[in-house]
Protein backbone atom coordinates (compact mmCIF):
# COMPACT_ATOMS: atom_id res chain seq x y z
CA MET A 1 117.70 138.75 12.13
CA GLY A 2 119.34 142.16 12.85
CA ILE A 3 121.39 143.15 15.85
CA ASP A 4 120.09 141.72 19.11
CA SER A 5 119.47 144.48 21.65
CA ASN A 6 120.99 142.14 24.27
CA LEU A 7 124.36 142.67 22.56
CA ALA A 8 124.39 146.35 23.55
CA GLY A 9 126.53 147.20 26.54
CA PRO A 10 130.01 146.37 27.70
CA GLN A 11 129.93 142.56 27.90
CA PRO A 12 126.96 140.51 26.71
CA PRO A 13 126.46 137.14 28.38
CA ILE A 14 128.30 134.32 26.63
CA GLU A 15 124.99 132.62 25.81
CA VAL A 16 123.88 135.70 23.86
CA LEU A 17 127.16 135.84 21.93
CA VAL A 18 127.00 132.16 21.01
CA ARG A 19 123.39 132.43 19.88
CA ALA A 20 124.16 135.54 17.80
CA VAL A 21 126.97 133.77 15.94
CA LYS A 22 124.86 130.63 15.44
CA ASP A 23 121.93 132.69 14.14
CA PHE A 24 124.24 134.57 11.78
CA LEU A 25 125.58 131.30 10.38
CA LEU A 26 122.15 129.75 9.89
CA GLU A 27 120.12 132.78 8.81
CA ILE A 28 122.59 135.03 6.97
CA ALA A 29 125.68 133.08 5.89
CA LEU A 30 124.28 129.63 5.12
CA PRO A 31 121.69 130.73 2.54
CA GLU A 32 124.51 132.45 0.62
CA LEU A 33 126.87 129.46 0.71
CA GLN A 34 127.11 126.33 -1.40
CA GLY A 35 128.91 123.02 -1.30
CA VAL A 36 131.69 122.52 1.22
CA ALA A 37 131.34 126.04 2.66
CA ALA A 38 127.61 125.47 3.33
CA PHE A 39 128.37 122.11 4.95
CA GLN A 40 131.07 123.65 7.16
CA ALA A 41 128.78 126.52 8.19
CA ARG A 42 126.08 124.00 9.14
CA MET A 43 128.62 121.97 11.15
CA ALA A 44 129.86 125.12 12.88
CA ALA A 45 126.28 126.01 13.84
CA ARG A 46 125.79 122.51 15.26
CA GLN A 47 128.94 122.91 17.33
CA LEU A 48 127.59 126.19 18.67
CA GLU A 49 124.38 124.37 19.63
CA ILE A 50 126.53 122.01 21.71
CA VAL A 51 128.16 125.05 23.33
CA GLU A 52 124.68 126.46 24.11
CA ARG A 53 123.58 123.18 25.72
CA THR A 54 126.86 122.94 27.62
CA LEU A 55 126.38 126.41 29.06
CA LEU A 56 122.79 125.57 29.99
CA LEU A 57 123.20 122.04 31.38
CA SER A 58 126.77 121.26 32.41
CA ALA A 59 126.79 122.84 35.88
CA ASP A 60 123.67 120.90 36.96
CA ASN A 61 124.95 117.72 35.32
CA GLU A 62 128.28 117.98 37.14
CA HIS A 63 126.55 118.71 40.44
CA ARG A 64 124.37 115.59 40.07
CA GLU A 65 127.33 113.48 38.96
CA LEU A 66 129.40 114.65 41.93
CA ALA A 67 126.59 113.83 44.37
CA GLY A 68 126.13 110.42 42.76
CA LEU A 69 129.83 109.60 42.88
CA GLN A 70 130.17 110.79 46.46
CA GLU A 71 127.31 108.52 47.48
CA LEU A 72 128.52 105.58 45.38
CA LEU A 73 132.14 105.81 46.52
CA HIS A 74 131.45 107.09 50.05
CA SER A 75 133.90 109.94 49.52
CA GLU A 76 133.80 113.73 49.58
CA GLU A 77 136.62 114.19 47.05
CA GLU A 78 136.28 116.48 44.03
CA LEU A 79 134.70 115.33 40.78
CA GLY A 80 137.86 114.69 38.78
CA ARG A 81 139.37 112.49 41.49
CA LEU A 82 136.12 110.59 41.96
CA ARG A 83 135.86 109.91 38.22
CA LYS A 84 139.41 108.51 38.23
CA LYS A 85 138.69 106.49 41.35
CA LEU A 86 135.54 104.97 39.80
CA ALA A 87 137.37 104.10 36.58
CA ALA A 88 140.19 102.45 38.52
CA MET A 89 137.73 100.46 40.64
CA ILE A 90 135.88 99.23 37.55
CA ARG A 91 139.17 98.35 35.80
CA SER A 92 140.46 96.44 38.84
CA GLY A 93 137.19 94.58 39.32
CA ALA A 94 136.53 96.20 42.71
CA MET A 95 133.24 97.41 41.21
CA SER A 96 131.12 95.63 38.64
CA ILE A 97 127.73 95.95 37.03
CA ASP A 98 126.37 94.14 40.08
CA THR A 99 127.60 96.86 42.46
CA PRO A 100 124.50 98.56 43.89
CA GLY A 101 124.00 101.97 42.33
CA LEU A 102 126.74 101.67 39.69
CA LEU A 103 124.54 100.94 36.69
CA GLU A 104 122.11 103.70 37.64
CA HIS A 105 124.99 106.16 38.01
CA LEU A 106 126.49 105.21 34.65
CA LYS A 107 123.11 105.47 32.93
CA SER A 108 122.31 108.87 34.42
CA THR A 109 125.72 110.37 33.56
CA THR A 110 125.51 108.97 30.02
CA ILE A 111 122.03 110.43 29.52
CA ALA A 112 123.25 113.79 30.89
CA ALA A 113 126.19 113.77 28.45
CA LEU A 114 123.94 112.88 25.52
CA ALA A 115 121.56 115.71 26.44
CA ILE A 116 124.47 118.03 25.68
CA ASP A 117 126.26 116.22 22.86
CA ASN A 118 123.29 115.09 20.79
CA PRO A 119 119.81 115.08 22.32
CA ALA A 120 118.43 113.54 19.13
CA TRP A 121 120.05 110.25 20.19
CA LEU A 122 117.93 110.33 23.34
CA ASP A 123 114.79 111.04 21.30
CA ARG A 124 115.52 108.03 19.09
CA SER A 125 116.00 105.71 22.06
CA ASN A 126 112.69 106.83 23.58
CA GLY A 127 110.79 106.52 20.31
């Protein structure tokens, strides 16, 4: 493994730092560990993989979700308010599975979340 030349300089990008720690855990620390410590190192590396995917995908996912909610709810409010508004409308019965565009929106945001949290779940559902 060795020191990544991208780490040189005043402030490496967060993606580089996360990858360096993950690589250290998997390539250096894990082979030296046993039992609970090995399990915890593996779990820590998996959490860092989620961080990597979050850094890579979350901005685009949020942009698409915002556009979808704005279209669905005919509102230009910010994402957090639109999420709350959608939840309230579903809870109250103002929107249901029969509402045009709702099911598609829920599917696309769920798939986007799974792409970050655990893409293997998506692979299984497509297999």
